[in-house]
Amino acid sequence: MSGEPTPYPGFELGMPALNMRTYTLFEVTTDPERLRRAEAFVSSGLRTGAFRPAVDRTFPLDEIAVAHRYMESGAQVGKIVVTVDH
């Protein structure tokens, strides 16, 4: 975030050049075919277990205010889950 170039140690080690590609939400969501393929990719990853959410903490519903304060603190690494008893 400093605006300075980010060093890439691969060059010094003789590794190939770094290539990077970014995507925006609208590149996928405004194209019906890309959206269909993206949905299939994510669904497959969830179904097979290849995609697993990183859960930071779990709170019961009666601690929702505590969960919200924790979310606002920005200290989490992963998802904050609120459980509801049936």
PDB file of N, CA and C in Angstrom:
ATOM      1  N   MET A   1       0.814  -1.190   0.000  1.00  0.00           N
ATOM      2  CA  MET A   1       0.000   0.000   0.000  1.00  0.00           C
ATOM      3  C   MET A   1       0.862   1.260   0.000  1.00  0.00           C
ATOM      4  N   SER A   2       2.156   1.099   0.055  1.00  0.00           N
ATOM      5  CA  SER A   2       3.035   2.261   0.098  1.00  0.00           C
ATOM      6  C   SER A   2       3.239   2.889  -1.277  1.00  0.00           C
ATOM      7  N   GLY A   3       2.938   2.180  -2.326  1.00  0.00           N
ATOM      8  CA  GLY A   3       3.210   2.684  -3.656  1.00  0.00           C
ATOM      9  C   GLY A   3       4.580   2.273  -4.168  1.00  0.00           C
ATOM     10  N   GLU A   4       5.395   1.708  -3.301  1.00  0.00           N
ATOM     11  CA  GLU A   4       6.716   1.230  -3.702  1.00  0.00           C
ATOM     12  C   GLU A   4       6.572  -0.104  -4.430  1.00  0.00           C
ATOM     13  N   PRO A   5       7.496  -0.430  -5.336  1.00  0.00           N
ATOM     14  CA  PRO A   5       7.439  -1.731  -6.001  1.00  0.00           C
ATOM     15  C   PRO A   5       7.563  -2.871  -4.994  1.00  0.00           C
ATOM     16  N   THR A   6       6.825  -3.935  -5.223  1.00  0.00           N
ATOM     17  CA  THR A   6       6.901  -5.113  -4.361  1.00  0.00           C
ATOM     18  C   THR A   6       8.003  -6.016  -4.889  1.00  0.00           C
ATOM     19  N   PRO A   7       8.988  -6.317  -4.046  1.00  0.00           N
ATOM     20  CA  PRO A   7      10.075  -7.177  -4.531  1.00  0.00           C
ATOM     21  C   PRO A   7       9.580  -8.596  -4.800  1.00  0.00           C
ATOM     22  N   TYR A   8      10.092  -9.182  -5.839  1.00  0.00           N
ATOM     23  CA  TYR A   8       9.762 -10.560  -6.183  1.00  0.00           C
ATOM     24  C   TYR A   8      11.061 -11.350  -6.213  1.00  0.00           C
ATOM     25  N   PRO A   9      11.306 -12.186  -5.195  1.00  0.00           N
ATOM     26  CA  PRO A   9      12.588 -12.880  -5.097  1.00  0.00           C
ATOM     27  C   PRO A   9      12.832 -13.901  -6.200  1.00  0.00           C
ATOM     28  N   GLY A  10      11.822 -14.256  -6.940  1.00  0.00           N
ATOM     29  CA  GLY A  10      11.982 -15.245  -7.993  1.00  0.00           C
ATOM     30  C   GLY A  10      12.978 -14.832  -9.062  1.00  0.00           C
ATOM     31  N   PHE A  11      13.023 -13.532  -9.358  1.00  0.00           N
ATOM     32  CA  PHE A  11      13.964 -13.057 -10.381  1.00  0.00           C
ATOM     33  C   PHE A  11      15.398 -13.396  -9.983  1.00  0.00           C
ATOM     34  N   GLU A  12      15.739 -13.141  -8.733  1.00  0.00           N
ATOM     35  CA  GLU A  12      17.098 -13.403  -8.258  1.00  0.00           C
ATOM     36  C   GLU A  12      17.410 -14.892  -8.234  1.00  0.00           C
ATOM     37  N   LEU A  13      16.375 -15.708  -8.121  1.00  0.00           N
ATOM     38  CA  LEU A  13      16.572 -17.156  -8.073  1.00  0.00           C
ATOM     39  C   LEU A  13      16.490 -17.801  -9.450  1.00  0.00           C
ATOM     40  N   GLY A  14      16.319 -16.989 -10.481  1.00  0.00           N
ATOM     41  CA  GLY A  14      16.242 -17.519 -11.835  1.00  0.00           C
ATOM     42  C   GLY A  14      14.897 -18.105 -12.192  1.00  0.00           C
ATOM     43  N   MET A  15      13.869 -17.773 -11.424  1.00  0.00           N
ATOM     44  CA  MET A  15      12.531 -18.292 -11.699  1.00  0.00           C
ATOM     45  C   MET A  15      11.879 -17.454 -12.799  1.00  0.00           C
ATOM     46  N   PRO A  16      10.853 -17.992 -13.442  1.00  0.00           N
ATOM     47  CA  PRO A  16      10.202 -17.235 -14.513  1.00  0.00           C
ATOM     48  C   PRO A  16       9.524 -15.976 -13.984  1.00  0.00           C
ATOM     49  N   ALA A  17       9.218 -15.096 -14.883  1.00  0.00           N
ATOM     50  CA  ALA A  17       8.561 -13.842 -14.532  1.00  0.00           C
ATOM     51  C   ALA A  17       7.201 -14.099 -13.894  1.00  0.00           C
ATOM     52  N   LEU A  18       6.818 -13.196 -13.053  1.00  0.00           N
ATOM     53  CA  LEU A  18       5.537 -13.279 -12.359  1.00  0.00           C
ATOM     54  C   LEU A  18       4.444 -12.699 -13.242  1.00  0.00           C
ATOM     55  N   ASN A  19       3.364 -13.434 -13.423  1.00  0.00           N
ATOM     56  CA  ASN A  19       2.203 -12.949 -14.153  1.00  0.00           C
ATOM     57  C   ASN A  19       1.031 -12.870 -13.189  1.00  0.00           C
ATOM     58  N   MET A  20       0.276 -11.808 -13.293  1.00  0.00           N
ATOM     59  CA  MET A  20      -0.849 -11.626 -12.394  1.00  0.00           C
ATOM     60  C   MET A  20      -2.059 -11.191 -13.203  1.00  0.00           C
ATOM     61  N   ARG A  21      -3.229 -11.710 -12.866  1.00  0.00           N
ATOM     62  CA  ARG A  21      -4.469 -11.327 -13.543  1.00  0.00           C
ATOM     63  C   ARG A  21      -5.505 -11.055 -12.481  1.00  0.00           C
ATOM     64  N   THR A  22      -6.154  -9.948 -12.552  1.00  0.00           N
ATOM     65  CA  THR A  22      -7.217  -9.629 -11.610  1.00  0.00           C
ATOM     66  C   THR A  22      -8.562  -9.698 -12.339  1.00  0.00           C
ATOM     67  N   TYR A  23      -9.605  -9.915 -11.577  1.00  0.00           N
ATOM     68  CA  TYR A  23     -10.956  -9.965 -12.117  1.00  0.00           C
ATOM     69  C   TYR A  23     -11.837  -9.041 -11.298  1.00  0.00           C
ATOM     70  N   THR A  24     -12.833  -8.496 -11.927  1.00  0.00           N
ATOM     71  CA  THR A  24     -13.829  -7.735 -11.192  1.00  0.00           C
ATOM     72  C   THR A  24     -15.111  -8.555 -11.136  1.00  0.00           C
ATOM     73  N   LEU A  25     -15.918  -8.252 -10.191  1.00  0.00           N
ATOM     74  CA  LEU A  25     -17.202  -8.926 -10.019  1.00  0.00           C
ATOM     75  C   LEU A  25     -18.024  -8.889 -11.303  1.00  0.00           C
ATOM     76  N   PHE A  26     -18.010  -7.743 -11.971  1.00  0.00           N
ATOM     77  CA  PHE A  26     -18.883  -7.557 -13.130  1.00  0.00           C
ATOM     78  C   PHE A  26     -18.412  -8.317 -14.365  1.00  0.00           C
ATOM     79  N   GLU A  27     -17.136  -8.686 -14.420  1.00  0.00           N
ATOM     80  CA  GLU A  27     -16.669  -9.502 -15.546  1.00  0.00           C
ATOM     81  C   GLU A  27     -17.376 -10.857 -15.561  1.00  0.00           C
ATOM     82  N   VAL A  28     -17.746 -11.330 -14.393  1.00  0.00           N
ATOM     83  CA  VAL A  28     -18.399 -12.636 -14.281  1.00  0.00           C
ATOM     84  C   VAL A  28     -19.914 -12.490 -14.222  1.00  0.00           C
ATOM     85  N   THR A  29     -20.414 -11.579 -13.408  1.00  0.00           N
ATOM     86  CA  THR A  29     -21.858 -11.523 -13.154  1.00  0.00           C
ATOM     87  C   THR A  29     -22.670 -10.938 -14.302  1.00  0.00           C
ATOM     88  N   THR A  30     -22.045 -10.195 -15.187  1.00  0.00           N
ATOM     89  CA  THR A  30     -22.817  -9.621 -16.293  1.00  0.00           C
ATOM     90  C   THR A  30     -22.780 -10.479 -17.553  1.00  0.00           C
ATOM     91  N   ASP A  31     -22.023 -11.553 -17.510  1.00  0.00           N
ATOM     92  CA  ASP A  31     -21.939 -12.467 -18.656  1.00  0.00           C
ATOM     93  C   ASP A  31     -22.581 -13.791 -18.243  1.00  0.00           C
ATOM     94  N   PRO A  32     -23.751 -14.129 -18.796  1.00  0.00           N
ATOM     95  CA  PRO A  32     -24.479 -15.330 -18.355  1.00  0.00           C
ATOM     96  C   PRO A  32     -23.656 -16.621 -18.427  1.00  0.00           C
ATOM     97  N   GLU A  33     -22.849 -16.784 -19.459  1.00  0.00           N
ATOM     98  CA  GLU A  33     -22.051 -18.008 -19.582  1.00  0.00           C
ATOM     99  C   GLU A  33     -20.947 -18.059 -18.522  1.00  0.00           C
ATOM    100  N   ARG A  34     -20.276 -16.949 -18.313  1.00  0.00           N
ATOM    101  CA  ARG A  34     -19.248 -16.913 -17.260  1.00  0.00           C
ATOM    102  C   ARG A  34     -19.869 -17.141 -15.877  1.00  0.00           C
ATOM    103  N   LEU A  35     -21.031 -16.565 -15.645  1.00  0.00           N
ATOM    104  CA  LEU A  35     -21.713 -16.741 -14.367  1.00  0.00           C
ATOM    105  C   LEU A  35     -22.091 -18.203 -14.167  1.00  0.00           C
ATOM    106  N   ARG A  36     -22.604 -18.839 -15.208  1.00  0.00           N
ATOM    107  CA  ARG A  36     -22.958 -20.262 -15.103  1.00  0.00           C
ATOM    108  C   ARG A  36     -21.724 -21.089 -14.765  1.00  0.00           C
ATOM    109  N   ARG A  37     -20.607 -20.833 -15.456  1.00  0.00           N
ATOM    110  CA  ARG A  37     -19.379 -21.585 -15.199  1.00  0.00           C
ATOM    111  C   ARG A  37     -18.845 -21.315 -13.791  1.00  0.00           C
ATOM    112  N   ALA A  38     -18.938 -20.068 -13.340  1.00  0.00           N
ATOM    113  CA  ALA A  38     -18.475 -19.724 -11.993  1.00  0.00           C
ATOM    114  C   ALA A  38     -19.319 -20.437 -10.939  1.00  0.00           C
ATOM    115  N   GLU A  39     -20.631 -20.447 -11.132  1.00  0.00           N
ATOM    116  CA  GLU A  39     -21.523 -21.138 -10.194  1.00  0.00           C
ATOM    117  C   GLU A  39     -21.218 -22.628 -10.155  1.00  0.00           C
ATOM    118  N   ALA A  40     -20.977 -23.232 -11.310  1.00  0.00           N
ATOM    119  CA  ALA A  40     -20.657 -24.658 -11.359  1.00  0.00           C
ATOM    120  C   ALA A  40     -19.324 -24.930 -10.655  1.00  0.00           C
ATOM    121  N   PHE A  41     -18.347 -24.055 -10.851  1.00  0.00           N
ATOM    122  CA  PHE A  41     -17.036 -24.207 -10.221  1.00  0.00           C
ATOM    123  C   PHE A  41     -17.145 -24.147  -8.699  1.00  0.00           C
ATOM    124  N   VAL A  42     -17.858 -23.144  -8.200  1.00  0.00           N
ATOM    125  CA  VAL A  42     -18.003 -22.988  -6.754  1.00  0.00           C
ATOM    126  C   VAL A  42     -18.834 -24.124  -6.176  1.00  0.00           C
ATOM    127  N   SER A  43     -19.927 -24.483  -6.830  1.00  0.00           N
ATOM    128  CA  SER A  43     -20.766 -25.589  -6.345  1.00  0.00           C
ATOM    129  C   SER A  43     -19.976 -26.880  -6.260  1.00  0.00           C
ATOM    130  N   SER A  44     -19.186 -27.164  -7.280  1.00  0.00           N
ATOM    131  CA  SER A  44     -18.369 -28.372  -7.285  1.00  0.00           C
ATOM    132  C   SER A  44     -17.348 -28.349  -6.150  1.00  0.00           C
ATOM    133  N   GLY A  45     -16.709 -27.204  -5.954  1.00  0.00           N
ATOM    134  CA  GLY A  45     -15.726 -27.097  -4.873  1.00  0.00           C
ATOM    135  C   GLY A  45     -16.339 -27.293  -3.501  1.00  0.00           C
ATOM    136  N   LEU A  46     -17.537 -26.773  -3.298  1.00  0.00           N
ATOM    137  CA  LEU A  46     -18.221 -26.964  -2.019  1.00  0.00           C
ATOM    138  C   LEU A  46     -18.665 -28.419  -1.848  1.00  0.00           C
ATOM    139  N   ARG A  47     -19.197 -28.994  -2.918  1.00  0.00           N
ATOM    140  CA  ARG A  47     -19.698 -30.374  -2.864  1.00  0.00           C
ATOM    141  C   ARG A  47     -18.578 -31.366  -2.574  1.00  0.00           C
ATOM    142  N   THR A  48     -17.414 -31.169  -3.191  1.00  0.00           N
ATOM    143  CA  THR A  48     -16.305 -32.116  -3.022  1.00  0.00           C
ATOM    144  C   THR A  48     -15.469 -31.843  -1.784  1.00  0.00           C
ATOM    145  N   GLY A  49     -15.684 -30.696  -1.154  1.00  0.00           N
ATOM    146  CA  GLY A  49     -14.889 -30.358   0.026  1.00  0.00           C
ATOM    147  C   GLY A  49     -13.592 -29.647  -0.308  1.00  0.00           C
ATOM    148  N   ALA A  50     -13.378 -29.346  -1.598  1.00  0.00           N
ATOM    149  CA  ALA A  50     -12.163 -28.621  -1.985  1.00  0.00           C
ATOM    150  C   ALA A  50     -12.190 -27.195  -1.445  1.00  0.00           C
ATOM    151  N   PHE A  51     -13.378 -26.621  -1.306  1.00  0.00           N
ATOM    152  CA  PHE A  51     -13.534 -25.287  -0.721  1.00  0.00           C
ATOM    153  C   PHE A  51     -14.110 -25.451   0.677  1.00  0.00           C
ATOM    154  N   ARG A  52     -13.383 -25.016   1.649  1.00  0.00           N
ATOM    155  CA  ARG A  52     -13.883 -25.043   3.024  1.00  0.00           C
ATOM    156  C   ARG A  52     -13.697 -23.654   3.610  1.00  0.00           C
ATOM    157  N   PRO A  53     -14.741 -23.079   4.158  1.00  0.00           N
ATOM    158  CA  PRO A  53     -14.595 -21.740   4.721  1.00  0.00           C
ATOM    159  C   PRO A  53     -13.669 -21.766   5.943  1.00  0.00           C
ATOM    160  N   ALA A  54     -12.873 -20.736   6.082  1.00  0.00           N
ATOM    161  CA  ALA A  54     -12.019 -20.593   7.266  1.00  0.00           C
ATOM    162  C   ALA A  54     -12.857 -19.891   8.333  1.00  0.00           C
ATOM    163  N   VAL A  55     -13.173 -20.611   9.394  1.00  0.00           N
ATOM    164  CA  VAL A  55     -13.987 -20.055  10.476  1.00  0.00           C
ATOM    165  C   VAL A  55     -13.061 -19.557  11.573  1.00  0.00           C
ATOM    166  N   ASP A  56     -13.175 -18.282  11.893  1.00  0.00           N
ATOM    167  CA  ASP A  56     -12.361 -17.680  12.945  1.00  0.00           C
ATOM    168  C   ASP A  56     -12.960 -17.971  14.319  1.00  0.00           C
ATOM    169  N   ARG A  57     -14.230 -17.606  14.488  1.00  0.00           N
ATOM    170  CA  ARG A  57     -14.913 -17.833  15.766  1.00  0.00           C
ATOM    171  C   ARG A  57     -16.387 -18.093  15.526  1.00  0.00           C
ATOM    172  N   THR A  58     -16.984 -18.782  16.493  1.00  0.00           N
ATOM    173  CA  THR A  58     -18.413 -19.071  16.457  1.00  0.00           C
ATOM    174  C   THR A  58     -19.051 -18.488  17.710  1.00  0.00           C
ATOM    175  N   PHE A  59     -20.170 -17.820  17.538  1.00  0.00           N
ATOM    176  CA  PHE A  59     -20.908 -17.215  18.648  1.00  0.00           C
ATOM    177  C   PHE A  59     -22.334 -17.737  18.643  1.00  0.00           C
ATOM    178  N   PRO A  60     -22.924 -17.981  19.826  1.00  0.00           N
ATOM    179  CA  PRO A  60     -24.358 -18.284  19.873  1.00  0.00           C
ATOM    180  C   PRO A  60     -25.147 -16.995  19.619  1.00  0.00           C
ATOM    181  N   LEU A  61     -26.373 -17.128  19.159  1.00  0.00           N
ATOM    182  CA  LEU A  61     -27.196 -15.973  18.818  1.00  0.00           C
ATOM    183  C   LEU A  61     -27.337 -15.002  19.989  1.00  0.00           C
ATOM    184  N   ASP A  62     -27.404 -15.514  21.208  1.00  0.00           N
ATOM    185  CA  ASP A  62     -27.585 -14.598  22.348  1.00  0.00           C
ATOM    186  C   ASP A  62     -26.338 -13.750  22.624  1.00  0.00           C
ATOM    187  N   GLU A  63     -25.244 -13.995  21.891  1.00  0.00           N
ATOM    188  CA  GLU A  63     -24.036 -13.166  21.992  1.00  0.00           C
ATOM    189  C   GLU A  63     -23.809 -12.371  20.705  1.00  0.00           C
ATOM    190  N   ILE A  64     -24.903 -12.049  20.018  1.00  0.00           N
ATOM    191  CA  ILE A  64     -24.791 -11.363  18.730  1.00  0.00           C
ATOM    192  C   ILE A  64     -24.104 -10.011  18.865  1.00  0.00           C
ATOM    193  N   ALA A  65     -24.336  -9.303  19.964  1.00  0.00           N
ATOM    194  CA  ALA A  65     -23.681  -7.999  20.160  1.00  0.00           C
ATOM    195  C   ALA A  65     -22.169  -8.177  20.295  1.00  0.00           C
ATOM    196  N   VAL A  66     -21.743  -9.228  20.998  1.00  0.00           N
ATOM    197  CA  VAL A  66     -20.318  -9.525  21.146  1.00  0.00           C
ATOM    198  C   VAL A  66     -19.731  -9.891  19.781  1.00  0.00           C
ATOM    199  N   ALA A  67     -20.467 -10.688  19.016  1.00  0.00           N
ATOM    200  CA  ALA A  67     -20.014 -11.087  17.682  1.00  0.00           C
ATOM    201  C   ALA A  67     -19.858  -9.860  16.783  1.00  0.00           C
ATOM    202  N   HIS A  68     -20.800  -8.943  16.874  1.00  0.00           N
ATOM    203  CA  HIS A  68     -20.748  -7.739  16.052  1.00  0.00           C
ATOM    204  C   HIS A  68     -19.563  -6.864  16.438  1.00  0.00           C
ATOM    205  N   ARG A  69     -19.312  -6.716  17.733  1.00  0.00           N
ATOM    206  CA  ARG A  69     -18.139  -5.943  18.172  1.00  0.00           C
ATOM    207  C   ARG A  69     -16.852  -6.599  17.688  1.00  0.00           C
ATOM    208  N   TYR A  70     -16.818  -7.928  17.748  1.00  0.00           N
ATOM    209  CA  TYR A  70     -15.638  -8.646  17.274  1.00  0.00           C
ATOM    210  C   TYR A  70     -15.433  -8.404  15.778  1.00  0.00           C
ATOM    211  N   MET A  71     -16.512  -8.437  15.011  1.00  0.00           N
ATOM    212  CA  MET A  71     -16.420  -8.175  13.579  1.00  0.00           C
ATOM    213  C   MET A  71     -15.907  -6.759  13.327  1.00  0.00           C
ATOM    214  N   GLU A  72     -16.439  -5.786  14.063  1.00  0.00           N
ATOM    215  CA  GLU A  72     -16.017  -4.402  13.881  1.00  0.00           C
ATOM    216  C   GLU A  72     -14.558  -4.175  14.266  1.00  0.00           C
ATOM    217  N   SER A  73     -14.020  -5.020  15.150  1.00  0.00           N
ATOM    218  CA  SER A  73     -12.628  -4.860  15.573  1.00  0.00           C
ATOM    219  C   SER A  73     -11.655  -5.182  14.444  1.00  0.00           C
ATOM    220  N   GLY A  74     -12.099  -5.996  13.490  1.00  0.00           N
ATOM    221  CA  GLY A  74     -11.235  -6.381  12.381  1.00  0.00           C
ATOM    222  C   GLY A  74     -10.158  -7.375  12.771  1.00  0.00           C
ATOM    223  N   ALA A  75     -10.282  -8.002  13.930  1.00  0.00           N
ATOM    224  CA  ALA A  75      -9.258  -8.932  14.418  1.00  0.00           C
ATOM    225  C   ALA A  75      -9.403 -10.336  13.828  1.00  0.00           C
ATOM    226  N   GLN A  76     -10.511 -10.618  13.182  1.00  0.00           N
ATOM    227  CA  GLN A  76     -10.753 -11.976  12.699  1.00  0.00           C
ATOM    228  C   GLN A  76      -9.922 -12.301  11.469  1.00  0.00           C
ATOM    229  N   VAL A  77      -9.605 -13.555  11.361  1.00  0.00           N
ATOM    230  CA  VAL A  77      -8.986 -14.096  10.149  1.00  0.00           C
ATOM    231  C   VAL A  77      -9.887 -15.247   9.741  1.00  0.00           C
ATOM    232  N   GLY A  78     -10.794 -14.986   8.849  1.00  0.00           N
ATOM    233  CA  GLY A  78     -11.781 -15.979   8.467  1.00  0.00           C
ATOM    234  C   GLY A  78     -13.172 -15.471   8.794  1.00  0.00           C
ATOM    235  N   LYS A  79     -14.107 -16.374   8.759  1.00  0.00           N
ATOM    236  CA  LYS A  79     -15.513 -16.022   8.931  1.00  0.00           C
ATOM    237  C   LYS A  79     -15.921 -16.057  10.397  1.00  0.00           C
ATOM    238  N   ILE A  80     -16.882 -15.210  10.717  1.00  0.00           N
ATOM    239  CA  ILE A  80     -17.496 -15.208  12.032  1.00  0.00           C
ATOM    240  C   ILE A  80     -18.861 -15.880  11.851  1.00  0.00           C
ATOM    241  N   VAL A  81     -19.118 -16.899  12.633  1.00  0.00           N
ATOM    242  CA  VAL A  81     -20.344 -17.685  12.498  1.00  0.00           C
ATOM    243  C   VAL A  81     -21.214 -17.459  13.726  1.00  0.00           C
ATOM    244  N   VAL A  82     -22.505 -17.227  13.487  1.00  0.00           N
ATOM    245  CA  VAL A  82     -23.485 -17.109  14.572  1.00  0.00           C
ATOM    246  C   VAL A  82     -24.410 -18.301  14.462  1.00  0.00           C
ATOM    247  N   THR A  83     -24.506 -19.062  15.557  1.00  0.00           N
ATOM    248  CA  THR A  83     -25.338 -20.264  15.551  1.00  0.00           C
ATOM    249  C   THR A  83     -26.687 -19.982  16.195  1.00  0.00           C
ATOM    250  N   VAL A  84     -27.701 -20.675  15.706  1.00  0.00           N
ATOM    251  CA  VAL A  84     -29.060 -20.550  16.218  1.00  0.00           C
ATOM    252  C   VAL A  84     -29.507 -21.920  16.659  1.00  0.00           C
ATOM    253  N   ASP A  85     -29.889 -22.043  17.945  1.00  0.00           N
ATOM    254  CA  ASP A  85     -30.427 -23.312  18.437  1.00  0.00           C
ATOM    255  C   ASP A  85     -31.850 -23.460  17.971  1.00  0.00           C
ATOM    256  N   HIS A  86     -32.216 -24.699  17.647  1.00  0.00           N
ATOM    257  CA  HIS A  86     -33.579 -24.974  17.149  1.00  0.00           C
ATOM    258  C   HIS A  86     -34.493 -25.276  18.297  1.00  0.00           C
TER     259      HIS A  86
END
